[in-house]
């Protein structure tokens, strides 16, 4: 039996100011399609300014949205090939 190694690279980019962090996650799939998702974090005004924490929160939210989009994409592809509605795919 032969196994094929496949790798995906997710790109994360951030835009920040003193109060907000926005993240964009981008995944280019081997079939040529792209999946893009966004995440956001807002610093409470009494919290210290810690850009890394904002990036972690916004990045996690973007990755979570990316995961949900991938599940939806997979679900749609299963349905298209099978010609029926498949069971929900759980996280």
PDB file of N, CA and C in Angstrom:
ATOM      1  N   UNK A   1       0.845  -1.176   0.000  1.00  0.00           N
ATOM      2  CA  UNK A   1       0.000   0.000   0.000  1.00  0.00           C
ATOM      3  C   UNK A   1       0.894   1.244   0.000  1.00  0.00           C
ATOM      4  N   UNK A   2       0.586   2.187  -0.876  1.00  0.00           N
ATOM      5  CA  UNK A   2       1.369   3.417  -0.962  1.00  0.00           C
ATOM      6  C   UNK A   2       0.606   4.561  -0.298  1.00  0.00           C
ATOM      7  N   UNK A   3       1.301   5.324   0.487  1.00  0.00           N
ATOM      8  CA  UNK A   3       0.712   6.491   1.140  1.00  0.00           C
ATOM      9  C   UNK A   3       1.248   7.750   0.472  1.00  0.00           C
ATOM     10  N   UNK A   4       0.376   8.702   0.268  1.00  0.00           N
ATOM     11  CA  UNK A   4       0.773   9.966  -0.330  1.00  0.00           C
ATOM     12  C   UNK A   4       0.780  11.043   0.746  1.00  0.00           C
ATOM     13  N   UNK A   5       1.878  11.741   0.856  1.00  0.00           N
ATOM     14  CA  UNK A   5       1.974  12.846   1.820  1.00  0.00           C
ATOM     15  C   UNK A   5       1.403  14.104   1.172  1.00  0.00           C
ATOM     16  N   UNK A   6       0.506  14.728   1.873  1.00  0.00           N
ATOM     17  CA  UNK A   6      -0.117  15.963   1.396  1.00  0.00           C
ATOM     18  C   UNK A   6       0.084  17.017   2.465  1.00  0.00           C
ATOM     19  N   UNK A   7       0.383  18.235   2.054  1.00  0.00           N
ATOM     20  CA  UNK A   7       0.550  19.315   3.022  1.00  0.00           C
ATOM     21  C   UNK A   7      -0.235  20.539   2.601  1.00  0.00           C
ATOM     22  N   UNK A   8      -0.771  21.221   3.565  1.00  0.00           N
ATOM     23  CA  UNK A   8      -1.465  22.490   3.342  1.00  0.00           C
ATOM     24  C   UNK A   8      -0.746  23.555   4.146  1.00  0.00           C
ATOM     25  N   UNK A   9      -0.677  24.748   3.591  1.00  0.00           N
ATOM     26  CA  UNK A   9      -0.102  25.880   4.303  1.00  0.00           C
ATOM     27  C   UNK A   9      -1.174  26.952   4.444  1.00  0.00           C
ATOM     28  N   UNK A  10      -1.429  27.340   5.664  1.00  0.00           N
ATOM     29  CA  UNK A  10      -2.397  28.391   5.936  1.00  0.00           C
ATOM     30  C   UNK A  10      -1.633  29.692   6.161  1.00  0.00           C
ATOM     31  N   UNK A  11      -2.060  30.748   5.489  1.00  0.00           N
ATOM     32  CA  UNK A  11      -1.466  32.063   5.691  1.00  0.00           C
ATOM     33  C   UNK A  11      -2.379  32.871   6.602  1.00  0.00           C
ATOM     34  N   UNK A  12      -1.794  33.516   7.583  1.00  0.00           N
ATOM     35  CA  UNK A  12      -2.529  34.416   8.474  1.00  0.00           C
ATOM     36  C   UNK A  12      -1.910  35.799   8.378  1.00  0.00           C
ATOM     37  N   UNK A  13      -2.754  36.800   8.170  1.00  0.00           N
ATOM     38  CA  UNK A  13      -2.297  38.182   8.158  1.00  0.00           C
ATOM     39  C   UNK A  13      -3.143  38.974   9.153  1.00  0.00           C
ATOM     40  N   UNK A  14      -2.507  39.966   9.771  1.00  0.00           N
ATOM     41  CA  UNK A  14      -3.178  40.750  10.801  1.00  0.00           C
ATOM     42  C   UNK A  14      -3.115  42.238  10.482  1.00  0.00           C
ATOM     43  N   UNK A  15      -4.175  42.941  10.856  1.00  0.00           N
ATOM     44  CA  UNK A  15      -4.203  44.404  10.860  1.00  0.00           C
ATOM     45  C   UNK A  15      -4.587  44.806  12.268  1.00  0.00           C
ATOM     46  N   UNK A  16      -3.830  45.756  12.828  1.00  0.00           N
ATOM     47  CA  UNK A  16      -4.047  46.109  14.229  1.00  0.00           C
ATOM     48  C   UNK A  16      -4.023  47.611  14.438  1.00  0.00           C
ATOM     49  N   UNK A  17      -4.777  48.037  15.445  1.00  0.00           N
ATOM     50  CA  UNK A  17      -4.607  49.366  16.013  1.00  0.00           C
ATOM     51  C   UNK A  17      -4.618  49.177  17.529  1.00  0.00           C
ATOM     52  N   UNK A  18      -4.742  50.233  18.288  1.00  0.00           N
ATOM     53  CA  UNK A  18      -4.671  50.101  19.751  1.00  0.00           C
ATOM     54  C   UNK A  18      -5.818  49.291  20.352  1.00  0.00           C
ATOM     55  N   UNK A  19      -6.941  49.221  19.682  1.00  0.00           N
ATOM     56  CA  UNK A  19      -8.124  48.558  20.244  1.00  0.00           C
ATOM     57  C   UNK A  19      -8.546  47.289  19.511  1.00  0.00           C
ATOM     58  N   UNK A  20      -8.207  47.173  18.229  1.00  0.00           N
ATOM     59  CA  UNK A  20      -8.752  46.099  17.406  1.00  0.00           C
ATOM     60  C   UNK A  20      -7.659  45.312  16.688  1.00  0.00           C
ATOM     61  N   UNK A  21      -7.921  44.029  16.531  1.00  0.00           N
ATOM     62  CA  UNK A  21      -7.063  43.181  15.703  1.00  0.00           C
ATOM     63  C   UNK A  21      -7.965  42.429  14.747  1.00  0.00           C
ATOM     64  N   UNK A  22      -7.618  42.480  13.477  1.00  0.00           N
ATOM     65  CA  UNK A  22      -8.350  41.736  12.461  1.00  0.00           C
ATOM     66  C   UNK A  22      -7.391  40.728  11.845  1.00  0.00           C
ATOM     67  N   UNK A  23      -7.887  39.520  11.648  1.00  0.00           N
ATOM     68  CA  UNK A  23      -7.073  38.463  11.049  1.00  0.00           C
ATOM     69  C   UNK A  23      -7.763  37.947   9.797  1.00  0.00           C
ATOM     70  N   UNK A  24      -6.958  37.613   8.813  1.00  0.00           N
ATOM     71  CA  UNK A  24      -7.445  36.943   7.615  1.00  0.00           C
ATOM     72  C   UNK A  24      -6.631  35.664   7.468  1.00  0.00           C
ATOM     73  N   UNK A  25      -7.350  34.538   7.336  1.00  0.00           N
ATOM     74  CA  UNK A  25      -6.707  33.243   7.107  1.00  0.00           C
ATOM     75  C   UNK A  25      -6.979  32.846   5.664  1.00  0.00           C
ATOM     76  N   UNK A  26      -5.956  32.373   4.974  1.00  0.00           N
ATOM     77  CA  UNK A  26      -6.083  31.969   3.583  1.00  0.00           C
ATOM     78  C   UNK A  26      -5.478  30.584   3.413  1.00  0.00           C
ATOM     79  N   UNK A  27      -6.254  29.709   2.781  1.00  0.00           N
ATOM     80  CA  UNK A  27      -5.789  28.359   2.479  1.00  0.00           C
ATOM     81  C   UNK A  27      -5.985  28.120   0.992  1.00  0.00           C
ATOM     82  N   UNK A  28      -4.900  27.794   0.296  1.00  0.00           N
ATOM     83  CA  UNK A  28      -4.974  27.421  -1.116  1.00  0.00           C
ATOM     84  C   UNK A  28      -4.931  25.898  -1.177  1.00  0.00           C
ATOM     85  N   UNK A  29      -5.976  25.321  -1.742  1.00  0.00           N
ATOM     86  CA  UNK A  29      -6.096  23.867  -1.798  1.00  0.00           C
ATOM     87  C   UNK A  29      -5.496  23.311  -3.090  1.00  0.00           C
ATOM     88  N   UNK A  30      -5.098  22.036  -3.072  1.00  0.00           N
ATOM     89  CA  UNK A  30      -4.485  21.432  -4.265  1.00  0.00           C
ATOM     90  C   UNK A  30      -5.379  21.464  -5.505  1.00  0.00           C
ATOM     91  N   UNK A  31      -6.713  21.555  -5.330  1.00  0.00           N
ATOM     92  CA  UNK A  31      -7.611  21.618  -6.492  1.00  0.00           C
ATOM     93  C   UNK A  31      -7.672  23.017  -7.101  1.00  0.00           C
ATOM     94  N   UNK A  32      -6.890  23.956  -6.566  1.00  0.00           N
ATOM     95  CA  UNK A  32      -6.843  25.306  -7.097  1.00  0.00           C
ATOM     96  C   UNK A  32      -7.795  26.277  -6.420  1.00  0.00           C
ATOM     97  N   UNK A  33      -8.664  25.768  -5.573  1.00  0.00           N
ATOM     98  CA  UNK A  33      -9.601  26.657  -4.878  1.00  0.00           C
ATOM     99  C   UNK A  33      -8.923  27.300  -3.675  1.00  0.00           C
ATOM    100  N   UNK A  34      -9.507  28.390  -3.223  1.00  0.00           N
ATOM    101  CA  UNK A  34      -9.022  29.090  -2.029  1.00  0.00           C
ATOM    102  C   UNK A  34     -10.154  29.212  -1.037  1.00  0.00           C
ATOM    103  N   UNK A  35      -9.813  29.090   0.226  1.00  0.00           N
ATOM    104  CA  UNK A  35     -10.767  29.320   1.304  1.00  0.00           C
ATOM    105  C   UNK A  35     -10.198  30.453   2.145  1.00  0.00           C
ATOM    106  N   UNK A  36     -11.009  31.487   2.365  1.00  0.00           N
ATOM    107  CA  UNK A  36     -10.565  32.671   3.103  1.00  0.00           C
ATOM    108  C   UNK A  36     -11.549  32.911   4.241  1.00  0.00           C
ATOM    109  N   UNK A  37     -11.024  33.229   5.415  1.00  0.00           N
ATOM    110  CA  UNK A  37     -11.878  33.481   6.578  1.00  0.00           C
ATOM    111  C   UNK A  37     -11.311  34.636   7.391  1.00  0.00           C
ATOM    112  N   UNK A  38     -12.175  35.252   8.186  1.00  0.00           N
ATOM    113  CA  UNK A  38     -11.803  36.429   8.968  1.00  0.00           C
ATOM    114  C   UNK A  38     -12.065  36.198  10.452  1.00  0.00           C
ATOM    115  N   UNK A  39     -11.268  36.849  11.267  1.00  0.00           N
ATOM    116  CA  UNK A  39     -11.466  36.846  12.713  1.00  0.00           C
ATOM    117  C   UNK A  39     -11.197  38.236  13.249  1.00  0.00           C
ATOM    118  N   UNK A  40     -11.746  38.529  14.419  1.00  0.00           N
ATOM    119  CA  UNK A  40     -11.644  39.869  14.983  1.00  0.00           C
ATOM    120  C   UNK A  40     -11.482  39.762  16.498  1.00  0.00           C
ATOM    121  N   UNK A  41     -10.729  40.663  17.061  1.00  0.00           N
ATOM    122  CA  UNK A  41     -10.600  40.769  18.518  1.00  0.00           C
ATOM    123  C   UNK A  41     -10.614  42.246  18.891  1.00  0.00           C
ATOM    124  N   UNK A  42     -11.241  42.550  20.005  1.00  0.00           N
ATOM    125  CA  UNK A  42     -11.299  43.915  20.511  1.00  0.00           C
ATOM    126  C   UNK A  42     -10.760  43.937  21.936  1.00  0.00           C
ATOM    127  N   UNK A  43      -9.827  44.833  22.191  1.00  0.00           N
ATOM    128  CA  UNK A  43      -9.255  44.966  23.530  1.00  0.00           C
ATOM    129  C   UNK A  43     -10.173  45.832  24.376  1.00  0.00           C
ATOM    130  N   UNK A  44     -10.480  45.342  25.579  1.00  0.00           N
ATOM    131  CA  UNK A  44     -11.245  46.159  26.523  1.00  0.00           C
ATOM    132  C   UNK A  44     -10.366  47.329  26.941  1.00  0.00           C
ATOM    133  N   UNK A  45     -10.943  48.504  27.069  1.00  0.00           N
ATOM    134  CA  UNK A  45     -10.148  49.721  27.310  1.00  0.00           C
ATOM    135  C   UNK A  45      -9.329  49.697  28.605  1.00  0.00           C
ATOM    136  N   UNK A  46      -9.695  48.879  29.588  1.00  0.00           N
ATOM    137  CA  UNK A  46      -8.897  48.836  30.821  1.00  0.00           C
ATOM    138  C   UNK A  46      -7.791  47.781  30.778  1.00  0.00           C
ATOM    139  N   UNK A  47      -7.809  46.911  29.739  1.00  0.00           N
ATOM    140  CA  UNK A  47      -6.768  45.890  29.621  1.00  0.00           C
ATOM    141  C   UNK A  47      -5.498  46.487  29.029  1.00  0.00           C
ATOM    142  N   UNK A  48      -4.334  45.950  29.413  1.00  0.00           N
ATOM    143  CA  UNK A  48      -3.080  46.445  28.822  1.00  0.00           C
ATOM    144  C   UNK A  48      -3.033  46.106  27.330  1.00  0.00           C
ATOM    145  N   UNK A  49      -2.297  46.919  26.585  1.00  0.00           N
ATOM    146  CA  UNK A  49      -2.160  46.691  25.152  1.00  0.00           C
ATOM    147  C   UNK A  49      -1.173  45.542  24.926  1.00  0.00           C
ATOM    148  N   UNK A  50      -1.690  44.375  24.522  1.00  0.00           N
ATOM    149  CA  UNK A  50      -0.865  43.197  24.268  1.00  0.00           C
ATOM    150  C   UNK A  50      -1.185  42.686  22.858  1.00  0.00           C
ATOM    151  N   UNK A  51      -0.516  43.215  21.858  1.00  0.00           N
ATOM    152  CA  UNK A  51      -0.838  42.850  20.476  1.00  0.00           C
ATOM    153  C   UNK A  51      -0.835  41.343  20.214  1.00  0.00           C
ATOM    154  N   UNK A  52       0.084  40.611  20.837  1.00  0.00           N
ATOM    155  CA  UNK A  52       0.159  39.172  20.613  1.00  0.00           C
ATOM    156  C   UNK A  52      -1.130  38.475  21.026  1.00  0.00           C
ATOM    157  N   UNK A  53      -1.732  38.919  22.125  1.00  0.00           N
ATOM    158  CA  UNK A  53      -2.982  38.311  22.599  1.00  0.00           C
ATOM    159  C   UNK A  53      -4.102  38.578  21.596  1.00  0.00           C
ATOM    160  N   UNK A  54      -4.170  39.797  21.091  1.00  0.00           N
ATOM    161  CA  UNK A  54      -5.171  40.115  20.068  1.00  0.00           C
ATOM    162  C   UNK A  54      -4.991  39.261  18.828  1.00  0.00           C
ATOM    163  N   UNK A  55      -3.737  39.048  18.439  1.00  0.00           N
ATOM    164  CA  UNK A  55      -3.452  38.200  17.275  1.00  0.00           C
ATOM    165  C   UNK A  55      -3.882  36.764  17.536  1.00  0.00           C
ATOM    166  N   UNK A  56      -3.619  36.260  18.732  1.00  0.00           N
ATOM    167  CA  UNK A  56      -4.004  34.888  19.058  1.00  0.00           C
ATOM    168  C   UNK A  56      -5.520  34.715  19.002  1.00  0.00           C
ATOM    169  N   UNK A  57      -6.250  35.679  19.561  1.00  0.00           N
ATOM    170  CA  UNK A  57      -7.710  35.577  19.575  1.00  0.00           C
ATOM    171  C   UNK A  57      -8.272  35.735  18.163  1.00  0.00           C
ATOM    172  N   UNK A  58      -7.871  36.778  17.461  1.00  0.00           N
ATOM    173  CA  UNK A  58      -8.374  37.006  16.103  1.00  0.00           C
ATOM    174  C   UNK A  58      -7.957  35.860  15.180  1.00  0.00           C
ATOM    175  N   UNK A  59      -6.718  35.388  15.333  1.00  0.00           N
ATOM    176  CA  UNK A  59      -6.237  34.270  14.516  1.00  0.00           C
ATOM    177  C   UNK A  59      -7.020  32.997  14.784  1.00  0.00           C
ATOM    178  N   UNK A  60      -7.287  32.712  16.049  1.00  0.00           N
ATOM    179  CA  UNK A  60      -8.069  31.519  16.394  1.00  0.00           C
ATOM    180  C   UNK A  60      -9.475  31.608  15.810  1.00  0.00           C
ATOM    181  N   UNK A  61     -10.068  32.775  15.863  1.00  0.00           N
ATOM    182  CA  UNK A  61     -11.415  32.951  15.302  1.00  0.00           C
ATOM    183  C   UNK A  61     -11.410  32.785  13.782  1.00  0.00           C
ATOM    184  N   UNK A  62     -10.380  33.297  13.121  1.00  0.00           N
ATOM    185  CA  UNK A  62     -10.278  33.123  11.670  1.00  0.00           C
ATOM    186  C   UNK A  62     -10.066  31.649  11.320  1.00  0.00           C
ATOM    187  N   UNK A  63      -9.227  30.959  12.085  1.00  0.00           N
ATOM    188  CA  UNK A  63      -8.990  29.537  11.824  1.00  0.00           C
ATOM    189  C   UNK A  63     -10.239  28.703  12.085  1.00  0.00           C
ATOM    190  N   UNK A  64     -11.002  29.075  13.107  1.00  0.00           N
ATOM    191  CA  UNK A  64     -12.248  28.375  13.392  1.00  0.00           C
ATOM    192  C   UNK A  64     -13.223  28.543  12.230  1.00  0.00           C
ATOM    193  N   UNK A  65     -13.335  29.760  11.720  1.00  0.00           N
ATOM    194  CA  UNK A  65     -14.205  30.016  10.568  1.00  0.00           C
ATOM    195  C   UNK A  65     -13.703  29.260   9.341  1.00  0.00           C
ATOM    196  N   UNK A  66     -12.395  29.199   9.158  1.00  0.00           N
ATOM    197  CA  UNK A  66     -11.807  28.454   8.048  1.00  0.00           C
ATOM    198  C   UNK A  66     -12.189  26.976   8.157  1.00  0.00           C
ATOM    199  N   UNK A  67     -12.106  26.424   9.355  1.00  0.00           N
ATOM    200  CA  UNK A  67     -12.469  25.017   9.576  1.00  0.00           C
ATOM    201  C   UNK A  67     -13.931  24.775   9.215  1.00  0.00           C
ATOM    202  N   UNK A  68     -14.809  25.682   9.611  1.00  0.00           N
ATOM    203  CA  UNK A  68     -16.231  25.515   9.306  1.00  0.00           C
ATOM    204  C   UNK A  68     -16.472  25.589   7.796  1.00  0.00           C
ATOM    205  N   UNK A  69     -15.771  26.467   7.112  1.00  0.00           N
ATOM    206  CA  UNK A  69     -15.916  26.559   5.661  1.00  0.00           C
ATOM    207  C   UNK A  69     -15.419  25.288   4.969  1.00  0.00           C
ATOM    208  N   UNK A  70     -14.320  24.717   5.481  1.00  0.00           N
ATOM    209  CA  UNK A  70     -13.813  23.463   4.914  1.00  0.00           C
ATOM    210  C   UNK A  70     -14.806  22.324   5.121  1.00  0.00           C
ATOM    211  N   UNK A  71     -15.439  22.265   6.286  1.00  0.00           N
ATOM    212  CA  UNK A  71     -16.451  21.241   6.529  1.00  0.00           C
ATOM    213  C   UNK A  71     -17.628  21.405   5.572  1.00  0.00           C
ATOM    214  N   UNK A  72     -18.060  22.629   5.362  1.00  0.00           N
ATOM    215  CA  UNK A  72     -19.165  22.891   4.437  1.00  0.00           C
ATOM    216  C   UNK A  72     -18.772  22.503   3.012  1.00  0.00           C
ATOM    217  N   UNK A  73     -17.549  22.850   2.613  1.00  0.00           N
ATOM    218  CA  UNK A  73     -17.052  22.497   1.276  1.00  0.00           C
ATOM    219  C   UNK A  73     -17.030  20.980   1.102  1.00  0.00           C
ATOM    220  N   UNK A  74     -16.524  20.265   2.084  1.00  0.00           N
ATOM    221  CA  UNK A  74     -16.464  18.804   2.009  1.00  0.00           C
ATOM    222  C   UNK A  74     -17.870  18.209   1.931  1.00  0.00           C
ATOM    223  N   UNK A  75     -18.774  18.733   2.731  1.00  0.00           N
ATOM    224  CA  UNK A  75     -20.156  18.273   2.758  1.00  0.00           C
ATOM    225  C   UNK A  75     -20.802  18.446   1.382  1.00  0.00           C
ATOM    226  N   UNK A  76     -20.600  19.598   0.772  1.00  0.00           N
ATOM    227  CA  UNK A  76     -21.148  19.884  -0.547  1.00  0.00           C
ATOM    228  C   UNK A  76     -20.575  18.926  -1.591  1.00  0.00           C
ATOM    229  N   UNK A  77     -19.269  18.665  -1.510  1.00  0.00           N
ATOM    230  CA  UNK A  77     -18.633  17.760  -2.472  1.00  0.00           C
ATOM    231  C   UNK A  77     -19.140  16.333  -2.314  1.00  0.00           C
ATOM    232  N   UNK A  78     -19.365  15.894  -1.080  1.00  0.00           N
ATOM    233  CA  UNK A  78     -19.926  14.563  -0.846  1.00  0.00           C
ATOM    234  C   UNK A  78     -21.310  14.475  -1.473  1.00  0.00           C
ATOM    235  N   UNK A  79     -22.130  15.496  -1.242  1.00  0.00           N
ATOM    236  CA  UNK A  79     -23.494  15.512  -1.784  1.00  0.00           C
ATOM    237  C   UNK A  79     -23.506  15.518  -3.311  1.00  0.00           C
ATOM    238  N   UNK A  80     -22.600  16.292  -3.913  1.00  0.00           N
ATOM    239  CA  UNK A  80     -22.558  16.367  -5.371  1.00  0.00           C
ATOM    240  C   UNK A  80     -22.194  15.024  -5.993  1.00  0.00           C
ATOM    241  N   UNK A  81     -21.251  14.315  -5.394  1.00  0.00           N
ATOM    242  CA  UNK A  81     -20.814  13.036  -5.944  1.00  0.00           C
ATOM    243  C   UNK A  81     -21.848  11.940  -5.685  1.00  0.00           C
ATOM    244  N   UNK A  82     -22.441  11.953  -4.504  1.00  0.00           N
ATOM    245  CA  UNK A  82     -23.372  10.884  -4.130  1.00  0.00           C
ATOM    246  C   UNK A  82     -24.781  11.106  -4.661  1.00  0.00           C
ATOM    247  N   UNK A  83     -25.135  12.367  -4.953  1.00  0.00           N
ATOM    248  CA  UNK A  83     -26.477  12.673  -5.410  1.00  0.00           C
ATOM    249  C   UNK A  83     -27.519  12.644  -4.312  1.00  0.00           C
ATOM    250  N   UNK A  84     -27.086  12.700  -3.103  1.00  0.00           N
ATOM    251  CA  UNK A  84     -28.007  12.710  -1.971  1.00  0.00           C
ATOM    252  C   UNK A  84     -27.485  13.655  -0.897  1.00  0.00           C
ATOM    253  N   UNK A  85     -28.297  13.906   0.103  1.00  0.00           N
ATOM    254  CA  UNK A  85     -27.875  14.759   1.218  1.00  0.00           C
ATOM    255  C   UNK A  85     -27.182  13.884   2.246  1.00  0.00           C
ATOM    256  N   UNK A  86     -25.948  14.194   2.525  1.00  0.00           N
ATOM    257  CA  UNK A  86     -25.167  13.391   3.466  1.00  0.00           C
ATOM    258  C   UNK A  86     -25.455  13.810   4.901  1.00  0.00           C
ATOM    259  N   UNK A  87     -25.014  12.965   5.813  1.00  0.00           N
ATOM    260  CA  UNK A  87     -25.177  13.273   7.237  1.00  0.00           C
ATOM    261  C   UNK A  87     -24.282  14.453   7.601  1.00  0.00           C
ATOM    262  N   UNK A  88     -24.706  15.270   8.551  1.00  0.00           N
ATOM    263  CA  UNK A  88     -23.874  16.398   8.978  1.00  0.00           C
ATOM    264  C   UNK A  88     -22.490  15.942   9.421  1.00  0.00           C
ATOM    265  N   UNK A  89     -21.505  16.757   9.084  1.00  0.00           N
ATOM    266  CA  UNK A  89     -20.127  16.482   9.502  1.00  0.00           C
ATOM    267  C   UNK A  89     -19.876  17.297  10.766  1.00  0.00           C
ATOM    268  N   UNK A  90     -19.555  16.619  11.848  1.00  0.00           N
ATOM    269  CA  UNK A  90     -19.328  17.299  13.114  1.00  0.00           C
ATOM    270  C   UNK A  90     -17.866  17.642  13.309  1.00  0.00           C
ATOM    271  N   UNK A  91     -17.630  18.692  14.063  1.00  0.00           N
ATOM    272  CA  UNK A  91     -16.256  19.108  14.372  1.00  0.00           C
ATOM    273  C   UNK A  91     -15.723  18.230  15.484  1.00  0.00           C
TER     274      UNK A  91
END
